[in-house]
Protein backbone atom coordinates (compact mmCIF):
# COMPACT_ATOMS: atom_id res chain seq x y z
CA MET A 1 -140.86 124.96 -5.33
CA LYS A 2 -142.58 127.44 -7.73
CA LEU A 3 -144.88 124.73 -9.12
CA LEU A 4 -146.63 124.49 -5.82
CA PRO A 5 -149.04 127.43 -6.46
CA THR A 6 -149.98 125.85 -9.76
CA LEU A 7 -150.58 122.46 -8.12
CA LEU A 8 -152.81 124.05 -5.57
CA ALA A 9 -154.68 125.99 -8.12
CA LEU A 10 -155.46 122.77 -10.07
CA ALA A 11 -156.56 121.15 -6.87
CA ALA A 12 -158.80 124.12 -6.19
CA LEU A 13 -160.29 123.85 -9.76
CA TYR A 14 -161.07 120.21 -9.14
CA SER A 15 -162.92 120.80 -5.89
CA SER A 16 -164.54 124.13 -6.87
CA GLY A 17 -167.49 124.96 -8.94
CA ILE A 18 -165.34 125.43 -12.01
CA LEU A 19 -164.82 121.68 -12.40
CA ARG A 20 -167.95 120.09 -11.01
CA ALA A 21 -169.06 116.58 -11.85
CA GLU A 22 -172.04 118.21 -13.49
CA ALA A 23 -169.72 120.04 -15.91
CA TYR A 24 -169.03 116.64 -17.51
CA GLU A 25 -172.21 114.65 -18.08
CA ALA A 26 -171.95 111.06 -16.83
CA VAL A 27 -172.55 108.59 -19.76
CA VAL A 28 -172.31 104.78 -19.97
CA PHE A 29 -171.84 103.40 -23.45
CA LYS A 30 -173.27 99.98 -24.07
CA ALA A 31 -171.88 97.99 -26.99
CA SER A 32 -173.78 95.45 -29.01
CA SER A 33 -171.77 92.77 -27.30
CA GLY A 34 -173.13 94.03 -23.96
CA GLU A 35 -169.88 95.39 -22.80
CA THR A 36 -169.99 98.77 -21.22
CA LEU A 37 -167.66 101.90 -21.02
CA PRO A 38 -168.18 104.75 -18.61
CA TYR A 39 -167.25 108.21 -19.91
CA ARG A 40 -167.77 111.79 -19.13
CA LEU A 41 -168.96 114.27 -21.78
CA LEU A 42 -168.44 117.97 -21.66
CA LYS A 43 -170.82 119.82 -24.04
CA PRO A 44 -170.40 123.27 -25.39
CA GLU A 45 -172.93 126.02 -25.10
CA PRO A 46 -175.44 126.12 -28.00
CA GLN A 47 -173.78 127.58 -31.07
CA PRO A 48 -175.40 129.51 -33.99
CA SER A 49 -177.38 127.36 -36.27
CA GLY A 50 -175.23 125.21 -38.62
CA ALA A 51 -172.05 125.98 -36.70
CA LYS A 52 -169.61 122.98 -36.19
CA VAL A 53 -167.50 122.54 -33.10
CA PRO A 54 -164.54 120.31 -32.54
CA LEU A 55 -164.22 117.25 -30.22
CA VAL A 56 -161.37 116.45 -27.87
CA LEU A 57 -160.87 112.83 -26.91
CA PHE A 58 -159.05 112.83 -23.51
CA PHE A 59 -157.36 109.77 -22.06
CA HIS A 60 -156.43 109.52 -18.46
CA GLY A 61 -153.45 107.79 -16.87
CA ALA A 62 -153.08 104.44 -15.01
CA GLY A 63 -153.91 105.99 -11.59
CA GLU A 64 -157.36 107.02 -12.64
CA ARG A 65 -158.62 103.63 -13.85
CA GLY A 66 -161.77 102.25 -12.27
CA SER A 67 -165.56 102.41 -12.52
CA ASP A 68 -166.47 105.54 -10.66
CA ASN A 69 -166.80 107.58 -13.77
CA THR A 70 -165.19 110.55 -12.05
CA SER A 71 -161.46 109.88 -11.42
CA GLN A 72 -160.56 110.41 -15.02
CA LEU A 73 -161.32 114.08 -14.57
CA ARG A 74 -158.49 114.55 -12.04
CA HIS A 75 -155.73 115.67 -14.42
CA GLY A 76 -155.93 117.50 -17.66
CA ALA A 77 -159.72 117.60 -17.93
CA PRO A 78 -159.93 120.73 -15.68
CA LEU A 79 -158.41 122.77 -18.47
CA PHE A 80 -161.27 122.15 -20.92
CA ALA A 81 -164.02 122.83 -18.34
CA LYS A 82 -162.81 126.32 -17.54
CA PRO A 83 -165.52 128.86 -18.50
CA GLU A 84 -162.98 131.05 -20.28
CA VAL A 85 -161.73 128.14 -22.26
CA GLN A 86 -165.22 127.00 -23.26
CA LYS A 87 -165.92 130.52 -24.36
CA ALA A 88 -162.86 130.86 -26.46
CA TYR A 89 -162.76 127.26 -27.76
CA PRO A 90 -166.25 125.66 -27.58
CA ALA A 91 -165.80 121.95 -27.89
CA TYR A 92 -167.15 118.58 -26.87
CA VAL A 93 -164.75 116.73 -24.63
CA MET A 94 -165.10 113.01 -24.22
CA ALA A 95 -163.19 111.55 -21.21
CA PRO A 96 -163.57 107.71 -21.02
CA GLN A 97 -162.51 105.66 -18.03
CA CYS A 98 -160.36 102.42 -18.38
CA PRO A 99 -161.30 99.56 -16.05
CA LEU A 100 -158.99 98.47 -13.36
CA ASP A 101 -156.33 95.86 -14.56
CA HIS A 102 -156.79 96.93 -18.13
CA LEU A 103 -154.67 99.20 -20.47
CA TRP A 104 -155.63 101.66 -23.19
CA VAL A 105 -152.82 100.08 -25.16
CA ASP A 106 -151.33 96.65 -24.43
CA LEU A 107 -147.81 97.87 -24.25
CA ASP A 108 -145.33 97.79 -21.27
CA TRP A 109 -144.51 101.41 -20.51
CA SER A 110 -141.62 100.61 -18.28
CA THR A 111 -139.42 99.35 -21.13
CA ASP A 112 -137.33 101.27 -23.68
CA SER A 113 -139.42 100.26 -26.64
CA GLY A 114 -142.35 98.25 -27.78
CA THR A 115 -144.38 96.87 -30.68
CA GLN A 116 -147.85 98.07 -31.46
CA PRO A 117 -150.40 95.20 -31.02
CA ALA A 118 -152.14 94.09 -34.19
CA GLN A 119 -155.50 95.16 -32.77
CA PRO A 120 -156.58 97.89 -30.34
CA SER A 121 -157.09 96.86 -26.73
CA GLY A 122 -160.62 95.91 -25.43
CA PRO A 123 -161.11 99.24 -23.68
CA MET A 124 -159.84 101.16 -26.79
CA ARG A 125 -162.25 99.34 -29.13
CA LEU A 126 -165.16 100.37 -26.82
CA VAL A 127 -163.86 103.99 -26.89
CA LEU A 128 -163.85 104.02 -30.69
CA ALA A 129 -167.38 102.50 -30.80
CA ALA A 130 -168.57 105.14 -28.27
CA LEU A 131 -166.91 107.91 -30.33
CA ASP A 132 -168.65 106.70 -33.48
CA GLU A 133 -171.95 106.84 -31.60
CA LEU A 134 -171.24 110.41 -30.52
CA LEU A 135 -170.57 111.51 -33.96
CA THR A 136 -173.96 110.16 -35.04
CA GLN A 137 -175.75 111.58 -31.95
CA TYR A 138 -174.27 115.05 -32.30
CA PRO A 139 -174.04 116.08 -35.96
CA ASP A 140 -172.63 119.55 -34.95
CA ILE A 141 -169.26 117.85 -34.21
CA ASP A 142 -166.77 118.84 -36.87
CA GLN A 143 -165.23 115.61 -37.94
CA ASP A 144 -162.28 117.45 -39.44
CA ARG A 145 -161.46 118.83 -36.02
CA ILE A 146 -161.27 115.74 -33.76
CA TYR A 147 -158.25 115.87 -31.37
CA VAL A 148 -156.81 113.33 -29.15
CA THR A 149 -154.74 113.90 -25.97
CA GLY A 150 -153.72 111.88 -22.95
CA LEU A 151 -151.25 111.61 -20.12
CA SER A 152 -149.02 108.64 -19.20
CA MET A 153 -151.07 105.68 -20.12
CA GLY A 154 -153.24 108.03 -21.96
CA GLY A 155 -150.14 109.36 -23.77
CA PHE A 156 -149.66 105.78 -25.10
CA ALA A 157 -153.25 105.81 -26.13
CA THR A 158 -152.80 109.06 -28.04
CA TRP A 159 -149.73 107.70 -29.94
CA ASP A 160 -151.59 104.48 -30.60
CA LEU A 161 -154.58 106.24 -32.21
CA ILE A 162 -152.78 108.75 -34.34
CA THR A 163 -150.43 106.01 -35.71
CA ARG A 164 -153.19 103.45 -36.12
CA PHE A 165 -155.85 105.81 -37.51
CA PRO A 166 -154.07 108.93 -38.77
CA ASP A 167 -156.89 109.82 -41.09
CA ARG A 168 -159.29 110.25 -38.24
CA PHE A 169 -157.56 112.87 -36.15
CA ALA A 170 -156.48 116.45 -36.81
CA ALA A 171 -154.01 116.60 -33.97
CA GLY A 172 -152.54 114.67 -31.15
CA VAL A 173 -151.04 115.77 -27.86
CA PRO A 174 -149.32 112.90 -26.08
CA VAL A 175 -147.94 113.66 -22.62
CA CYS A 176 -145.26 111.42 -21.10
CA GLY A 177 -146.34 108.55 -23.25
CA GLY A 178 -144.74 106.39 -26.03
CA GLY A 179 -145.53 103.97 -28.64
CA ASP A 180 -144.07 101.86 -31.38
CA ALA A 181 -141.25 103.95 -32.86
CA LYS A 182 -141.37 101.74 -36.05
CA ARG A 183 -144.84 103.06 -36.74
CA ALA A 184 -144.32 106.72 -35.72
CA VAL A 185 -144.11 107.85 -39.34
CA GLN A 186 -147.71 106.80 -39.84
CA ALA A 187 -148.64 109.93 -37.93
CA LYS A 188 -146.67 112.31 -40.25
CA ASN A 189 -149.87 114.10 -41.54
CA VAL A 190 -151.26 114.55 -38.01
CA ALA A 191 -150.30 117.72 -36.14
CA VAL A 192 -148.41 116.64 -33.10
CA TRP A 193 -147.17 118.50 -30.02
CA ALA A 194 -145.62 115.97 -27.56
CA PHE A 195 -144.51 116.60 -24.00
CA HIS A 196 -142.27 114.73 -21.56
CA GLY A 197 -140.31 115.35 -18.29
CA GLU A 198 -136.62 114.79 -18.76
CA ALA A 199 -136.28 113.15 -15.28
CA ASP A 200 -139.38 110.90 -15.67
CA PRO A 201 -138.73 107.66 -13.69
CA THR A 202 -141.97 105.95 -14.74
CA VAL A 203 -142.05 106.36 -18.47
CA LYS A 204 -138.62 106.92 -19.88
CA VAL A 205 -138.12 110.21 -21.77
CA GLY A 206 -136.58 108.17 -24.64
CA ARG A 207 -140.12 106.76 -25.40
CA THR A 208 -141.22 110.14 -26.66
CA ARG A 209 -137.91 111.01 -28.30
CA ALA A 210 -138.15 107.76 -30.25
CA MET A 211 -141.54 108.76 -31.62
CA ILE A 212 -140.58 112.31 -32.54
CA ASP A 213 -137.35 111.70 -34.34
CA PRO A 214 -138.89 109.42 -37.15
CA LEU A 215 -141.61 112.03 -37.65
CA ARG A 216 -139.17 114.86 -38.12
CA ASP A 217 -137.04 112.61 -40.37
CA ALA A 218 -140.14 112.13 -42.47
CA GLY A 219 -140.57 115.96 -42.79
CA ALA A 220 -143.33 116.35 -40.26
CA THR A 221 -143.42 119.55 -38.24
CA ALA A 222 -143.83 117.72 -34.95
CA LEU A 223 -143.46 119.80 -31.84
CA TYR A 224 -141.72 118.52 -28.74
CA THR A 225 -141.33 120.12 -25.33
CA GLU A 226 -139.13 118.31 -22.87
CA TYR A 227 -139.14 119.74 -19.40
CA ALA A 228 -135.72 119.70 -17.74
CA ALA A 229 -135.71 118.27 -14.07
CA VAL A 230 -139.45 117.42 -14.30
CA THR A 231 -140.45 113.89 -13.42
CA HIS A 232 -143.60 111.96 -14.30
CA ASP A 233 -146.10 114.71 -13.70
CA SER A 234 -145.21 116.69 -16.84
CA TRP A 235 -148.97 117.03 -17.54
CA THR A 236 -149.00 119.86 -14.96
CA ASN A 237 -146.73 121.84 -17.22
CA ALA A 238 -148.09 120.54 -20.54
CA TYR A 239 -151.76 121.38 -19.87
CA GLY A 240 -150.58 124.75 -18.45
CA GLU A 241 -148.84 125.84 -21.67
CA PRO A 242 -150.63 129.02 -22.68
CA MET A 243 -150.25 128.36 -26.41
CA LEU A 244 -151.38 124.72 -26.35
CA LEU A 245 -155.09 125.42 -26.94
CA PRO A 246 -154.59 128.07 -29.57
CA TRP A 247 -152.27 125.76 -31.38
CA LEU A 248 -154.55 122.73 -30.93
CA PHE A 249 -157.80 124.28 -32.10
CA ALA A 250 -156.10 125.78 -35.10
CA GLN A 251 -155.49 122.31 -36.57
CA LYS A 252 -157.79 120.75 -39.17
CA ARG A 253 -157.70 117.24 -40.68
CA GLY A 254 -156.43 116.92 -44.21
CA GLN A 255 -154.56 120.28 -44.07
CA GLN A 256 -150.88 120.92 -43.44
CA ALA A 257 -150.26 121.42 -39.72
CA VAL A 258 -150.55 125.02 -38.56
CA PRO A 259 -147.10 125.92 -37.23
CA TRP A 260 -146.77 127.26 -33.75
CA ASP A 261 -145.58 130.67 -34.74
CA LYS A 262 -148.74 131.28 -36.81
CA VAL A 263 -150.93 131.07 -33.67
CA ALA A 264 -148.58 132.41 -31.04
CA GLU A 265 -147.91 136.01 -30.06
CA PRO A 266 -144.21 136.91 -30.54
CA THR A 267 -143.72 137.19 -26.75
CA GLU A 268 -145.16 133.80 -25.94
CA LEU A 269 -142.77 131.02 -24.78
CA PRO A 270 -142.30 128.64 -27.75
CA PRO A 271 -141.95 124.83 -27.47
CA THR A 272 -138.59 123.73 -26.36
CA SER A 273 -137.77 122.27 -29.76
CA LEU A 274 -137.89 125.71 -31.27
CA PHE A 275 -135.24 127.16 -28.95
CA PRO A 276 -131.71 127.32 -30.54
CA SER A 277 -128.88 124.96 -29.43
CA GLN A 278 -128.98 122.41 -26.68
CA GLY A 279 -129.56 122.34 -22.92
CA PRO A 280 -132.47 123.07 -20.57
CA VAL A 281 -135.24 125.59 -21.02
CA GLN A 282 -137.00 126.89 -17.96
CA PRO A 283 -140.03 124.54 -17.43
CA GLY A 284 -141.81 126.49 -14.59
CA LEU A 285 -145.33 127.49 -15.31
CA TRP A 286 -144.67 130.77 -13.46
CA PHE A 287 -142.02 131.59 -16.19
CA ARG A 288 -144.53 131.93 -19.07
CA PRO A 289 -146.40 135.01 -17.99
CA LEU A 290 -143.21 136.63 -16.77
CA TRP A 291 -141.53 136.04 -20.16
CA LYS A 292 -144.48 137.54 -21.92
CA SER A 293 -144.80 140.60 -19.56
CA GLN A 294 -141.13 141.45 -19.65
CA ARG A 295 -140.74 141.15 -23.42
CA THR A 296 -143.96 143.06 -24.03
CA LYS A 297 -142.76 145.90 -21.81
CA TRP A 298 -139.32 145.93 -23.60
CA ALA A 299 -140.96 146.08 -27.05
CA GLN A 300 -142.71 149.25 -25.99
CA SER A 301 -139.41 150.81 -24.91
CA LEU A 302 -137.42 149.84 -27.97
CA ALA A 303 -136.89 153.40 -29.14
CA ALA A 304 -136.16 154.80 -25.78
CA ASP A 305 -133.51 152.19 -24.96
CA GLN A 306 -131.48 152.54 -28.19
CA GLN A 307 -127.67 152.69 -27.63
CA ALA A 308 -127.97 151.66 -23.99
CA LEU A 309 -125.52 149.48 -22.00
CA VAL A 310 -127.57 146.32 -21.89
CA PHE A 311 -127.44 144.09 -18.81
CA LEU A 312 -128.54 140.65 -20.03
CA GLY A 313 -129.29 137.57 -17.87
CA ASP A 314 -131.73 135.92 -15.45
CA SER A 315 -133.26 136.85 -12.07
CA ILE A 316 -129.92 138.20 -10.72
CA THR A 317 -130.04 140.80 -13.51
CA GLN A 318 -133.75 141.34 -13.40
CA GLY A 319 -133.48 141.93 -9.65
CA TRP A 320 -130.96 144.69 -9.97
CA GLY A 321 -133.57 147.54 -9.42
CA THR A 322 -130.87 150.25 -8.86
CA LEU A 323 -128.97 149.96 -12.06
CA ALA A 324 -129.70 153.56 -13.16
CA GLN A 325 -128.71 154.98 -9.69
CA ASP A 326 -125.57 152.71 -9.54
CA PHE A 327 -124.35 153.90 -12.92
CA PRO A 328 -125.63 157.50 -13.15
CA GLY A 329 -123.29 158.38 -16.03
CA ILE A 330 -124.47 155.59 -18.28
CA LYS A 331 -127.72 154.88 -20.14
CA VAL A 332 -128.68 151.42 -19.09
CA ALA A 333 -131.32 148.87 -20.10
CA ASN A 334 -132.14 145.78 -17.97
CA ARG A 335 -132.87 142.66 -20.05
CA GLY A 336 -132.97 140.05 -17.34
CA ILE A 337 -135.75 137.50 -16.92
CA SER A 338 -136.00 135.47 -13.81
CA GLY A 339 -135.48 131.78 -14.44
CA ASP A 340 -134.03 132.23 -17.95
CA THR A 341 -131.30 129.90 -19.28
CA THR A 342 -128.69 130.29 -22.00
CA ARG A 343 -131.07 128.88 -24.56
CA GLY A 344 -133.71 131.38 -23.56
CA VAL A 345 -131.21 134.17 -24.05
CA LEU A 346 -130.29 132.81 -27.47
CA TYR A 347 -133.99 132.77 -28.45
CA ARG A 348 -134.67 136.32 -27.51
CA ILE A 349 -131.26 137.99 -28.12
CA LYS A 350 -132.16 139.49 -31.52
CA ASP A 351 -135.34 141.22 -30.42
CA ASP A 352 -134.43 142.11 -26.83
CA VAL A 353 -130.73 142.99 -27.18
CA ILE A 354 -129.40 143.35 -30.81
CA SER A 355 -132.36 145.44 -31.81
CA LEU A 356 -131.24 148.13 -29.36
CA LYS A 357 -127.95 148.62 -31.08
CA PRO A 358 -126.28 148.52 -27.63
CA ARG A 359 -123.13 150.52 -26.79
CA ALA A 360 -122.06 147.46 -24.78
CA VAL A 361 -123.57 144.29 -23.27
CA ALA A 362 -122.98 143.08 -19.69
CA LEU A 363 -123.75 139.35 -19.59
CA LEU A 364 -124.37 137.02 -16.54
CA ILE A 365 -126.10 133.73 -17.38
CA GLY A 366 -125.86 130.10 -16.56
CA THR A 367 -126.92 129.41 -13.02
CA ASN A 368 -130.38 128.19 -13.99
CA ASP A 369 -128.93 125.93 -16.62
CA ILE A 370 -126.93 124.19 -13.81
CA GLU A 371 -129.98 124.00 -11.55
CA LEU A 372 -131.93 122.34 -14.38
CA GLY A 373 -129.27 119.68 -15.02
CA GLY A 374 -127.30 121.38 -17.84
CA SER A 375 -123.69 120.33 -18.28
CA PRO A 376 -120.97 123.04 -17.93
CA GLU A 377 -119.78 122.03 -21.48
CA VAL A 378 -123.26 122.60 -23.14
CA ILE A 379 -123.74 125.82 -21.14
CA ALA A 380 -120.40 127.19 -22.16
CA GLU A 381 -121.01 126.46 -25.72
CA ASN A 382 -124.35 128.32 -25.59
CA ILE A 383 -122.46 131.31 -24.08
CA ARG A 384 -119.99 131.08 -26.91
CA ILE A 385 -122.85 131.31 -29.32
CA ILE A 386 -124.32 134.28 -27.45
CA ILE A 387 -121.09 136.15 -27.67
CA GLU A 388 -120.65 135.16 -31.35
CA GLN A 389 -124.10 136.61 -32.15
CA LEU A 390 -123.45 139.74 -30.26
CA ARG A 391 -120.05 140.13 -31.99
CA ALA A 392 -121.60 139.52 -35.45
CA SER A 393 -124.04 142.38 -34.79
CA ASP A 394 -121.31 144.83 -33.97
CA PRO A 395 -117.72 143.66 -34.21
CA LYS A 396 -116.48 146.56 -32.05
CA MET A 397 -119.06 146.36 -29.24
CA PRO A 398 -117.51 145.88 -25.83
CA LEU A 399 -118.77 142.79 -23.98
CA ILE A 400 -118.57 142.42 -20.22
CA VAL A 401 -119.04 138.83 -19.02
CA SER A 402 -119.43 138.24 -15.31
CA ARG A 403 -118.63 134.72 -13.89
CA VAL A 404 -121.50 132.72 -12.65
CA MET A 405 -121.85 133.63 -9.03
CA PRO A 406 -121.59 131.14 -6.15
CA ALA A 407 -124.79 129.60 -4.86
CA ASP A 408 -125.30 126.51 -2.71
CA ALA A 409 -125.73 122.79 -3.50
CA SER A 410 -129.18 122.89 -1.83
CA ASN A 411 -130.26 124.98 -4.89
CA LYS A 412 -128.92 122.19 -7.16
CA ARG A 413 -125.95 124.53 -7.97
CA PRO A 414 -122.84 122.71 -6.65
CA ALA A 415 -119.65 124.75 -6.47
CA ASN A 416 -117.67 122.31 -8.64
CA LYS A 417 -120.10 122.64 -11.57
CA ILE A 418 -120.13 126.44 -11.34
CA GLN A 419 -116.31 126.53 -11.19
CA ARG A 420 -116.06 124.24 -14.23
CA LEU A 421 -118.46 126.42 -16.17
CA ASN A 422 -116.52 129.58 -15.26
CA GLN A 423 -113.28 127.91 -16.39
CA LEU A 424 -114.76 127.00 -19.77
CA VAL A 425 -116.21 130.49 -20.34
CA ASP A 426 -112.91 132.11 -19.29
CA GLN A 427 -111.35 130.43 -22.30
CA ILE A 428 -114.02 131.71 -24.63
CA VAL A 429 -113.76 135.29 -23.23
CA ASP A 430 -109.98 135.21 -23.39
CA ALA A 431 -110.22 134.56 -27.16
CA ASP A 432 -112.14 137.74 -27.74
CA PRO A 433 -109.95 140.89 -27.52
CA LEU A 434 -112.97 143.15 -26.95
CA ALA A 435 -114.52 141.06 -24.16
CA VAL A 436 -113.78 141.53 -20.42
CA ARG A 437 -114.16 138.90 -17.77
CA VAL A 438 -115.39 139.94 -14.33
CA ASP A 439 -114.62 137.64 -11.39
CA THR A 440 -117.93 137.69 -9.62
CA TYR A 441 -117.31 134.17 -8.40
CA THR A 442 -114.31 134.87 -6.24
CA LEU A 443 -115.84 138.11 -5.13
CA PHE A 444 -118.71 136.48 -3.31
CA ALA A 445 -117.54 132.86 -2.64
CA ASN A 446 -116.81 131.54 0.90
CA GLU A 447 -114.06 129.04 1.78
CA GLU A 448 -116.23 126.12 0.46
CA GLY A 449 -116.92 127.98 -2.81
CA ASN A 450 -120.56 128.64 -1.94
CA ALA A 451 -122.44 131.87 -1.48
CA ARG A 452 -122.29 133.81 1.80
CA LYS A 453 -125.65 134.12 3.49
CA GLU A 454 -125.02 137.68 4.65
CA GLU A 455 -124.82 138.70 0.97
CA PHE A 456 -127.03 136.13 -0.62
CA PRO A 457 -129.91 135.48 1.92
CA ASP A 458 -131.44 132.63 -0.10
CA LEU A 459 -127.96 131.48 -1.27
CA LEU A 460 -128.78 132.47 -4.81
CA HIS A 461 -129.80 136.14 -5.23
CA PRO A 462 -127.63 139.08 -4.14
CA ASN A 463 -128.93 141.53 -1.56
CA PRO A 464 -128.38 145.30 -1.85
CA ALA A 465 -124.96 145.06 -0.29
CA ALA A 466 -123.85 142.41 -2.79
CA TYR A 467 -125.16 144.47 -5.70
CA ALA A 468 -123.25 147.46 -4.38
CA ARG A 469 -119.99 145.43 -4.47
CA TRP A 470 -120.71 144.18 -7.95
CA ALA A 471 -121.34 147.75 -9.05
CA GLU A 472 -118.08 148.81 -7.50
CA ILE A 473 -116.01 146.40 -9.52
CA LEU A 474 -117.85 147.24 -12.78
CA ARG A 475 -117.59 151.04 -12.60
CA PRO A 476 -113.80 151.20 -13.41
CA ILE A 477 -114.32 148.66 -16.29
CA PHE A 478 -117.08 150.73 -17.76
CA LYS A 479 -114.91 153.89 -17.31
CA LYS A 480 -111.95 152.19 -19.06
CA LEU A 481 -114.23 151.21 -21.92
CA GLY A 482 -115.44 154.84 -22.41
CA LEU A 483 -119.10 154.00 -21.62
CA GLU A 484 -119.73 156.98 -19.31
CA TYR A 485 -121.20 160.05 -21.01
């Protein structure tokens, strides 16, 4: 749905002047054995005398194999060729192409696990020889800042290299790949940020999880982002992460990995692994700039919004543009972000809500968790933690918790899952004497338990008439709680 504009933009990049074939010089490496390897080389603009620049080794997936020395630029490579990227992060980028019917790593990616071969594959040995030649040919390459990344079959290549030759690479970014979990710990001194789609039918998500867990057990600060409801094309999201390049180019061989929060702005969306608790985090690329812009705006109004009644949630809350008019006797602050989930709220609750010392909080959250495959039990537990954190900040603060509103199964929000979630959260709210439950499910549900189109035109978001009905049932609650001035 919302990924379509991003996909079209990448397609435009590939066919436009931004990613021309000329941007990557065509090269054919010839080994002493007579074997050849085609690759593309992106060169940075000339740097000041004596300046060193990093090199990125990029591995394509199985669909880009061949001998045309062009197809390997289809996915991922456009990112590094953008003029603004080369200006901010000048680097060499080497993109080799694997021959048809060969693999970067001789592993079966359709299985649950595998054993690393004793020796690199034939194409990989050629890549390493070509890389050695490049390092001799271009002495301005900083050999302490060689990074490796790849997608799918190239994700396996990335894991293979950083576990086989950990002393050669400063960082690895494997996307929907995998490796030999028994050897994962070999990469403990390499900065790693791995990505995978939770619903990947081609390379099972367990292949990446199995590599990350041993690294963390060994004390490595390996980052992992798992995209809920995303299938095999997780590279679209991964190479669209705004903090990927700042993080990547901050890494240096032989030094402790630079953590994500040392290169990120406070309002940037962190890796999934840094979000509290369990459950999905919104994977849409459209979400990142929205997250940043909303939270930047709120940081600027921190003083003005002190002691407000805070409405906290997702797009249903963000879209309530008439809050001030609907509650004229109450100071209100809108802290909804479209697409957010319970884990997103948990991540930002301290800065966006608790810092306001709110008089009360009106919470509605959970519908996006359901759409992204979260279980009612996990979502309810996250809501319990949200309430717990708000209560810890102010034991006497009123909490108004609206039931997740009806939607439609076409939005991946079936009525039975919404009803189950509401039942679980009812139990949590009933246990808190200062929390009030608002039945915004029955208020809007039709006979089948779904949203009515006359109030929810897209079967998800309320129209002005529905917001007016919601406000009508909230006003007496707010009055009873003494929130009116």
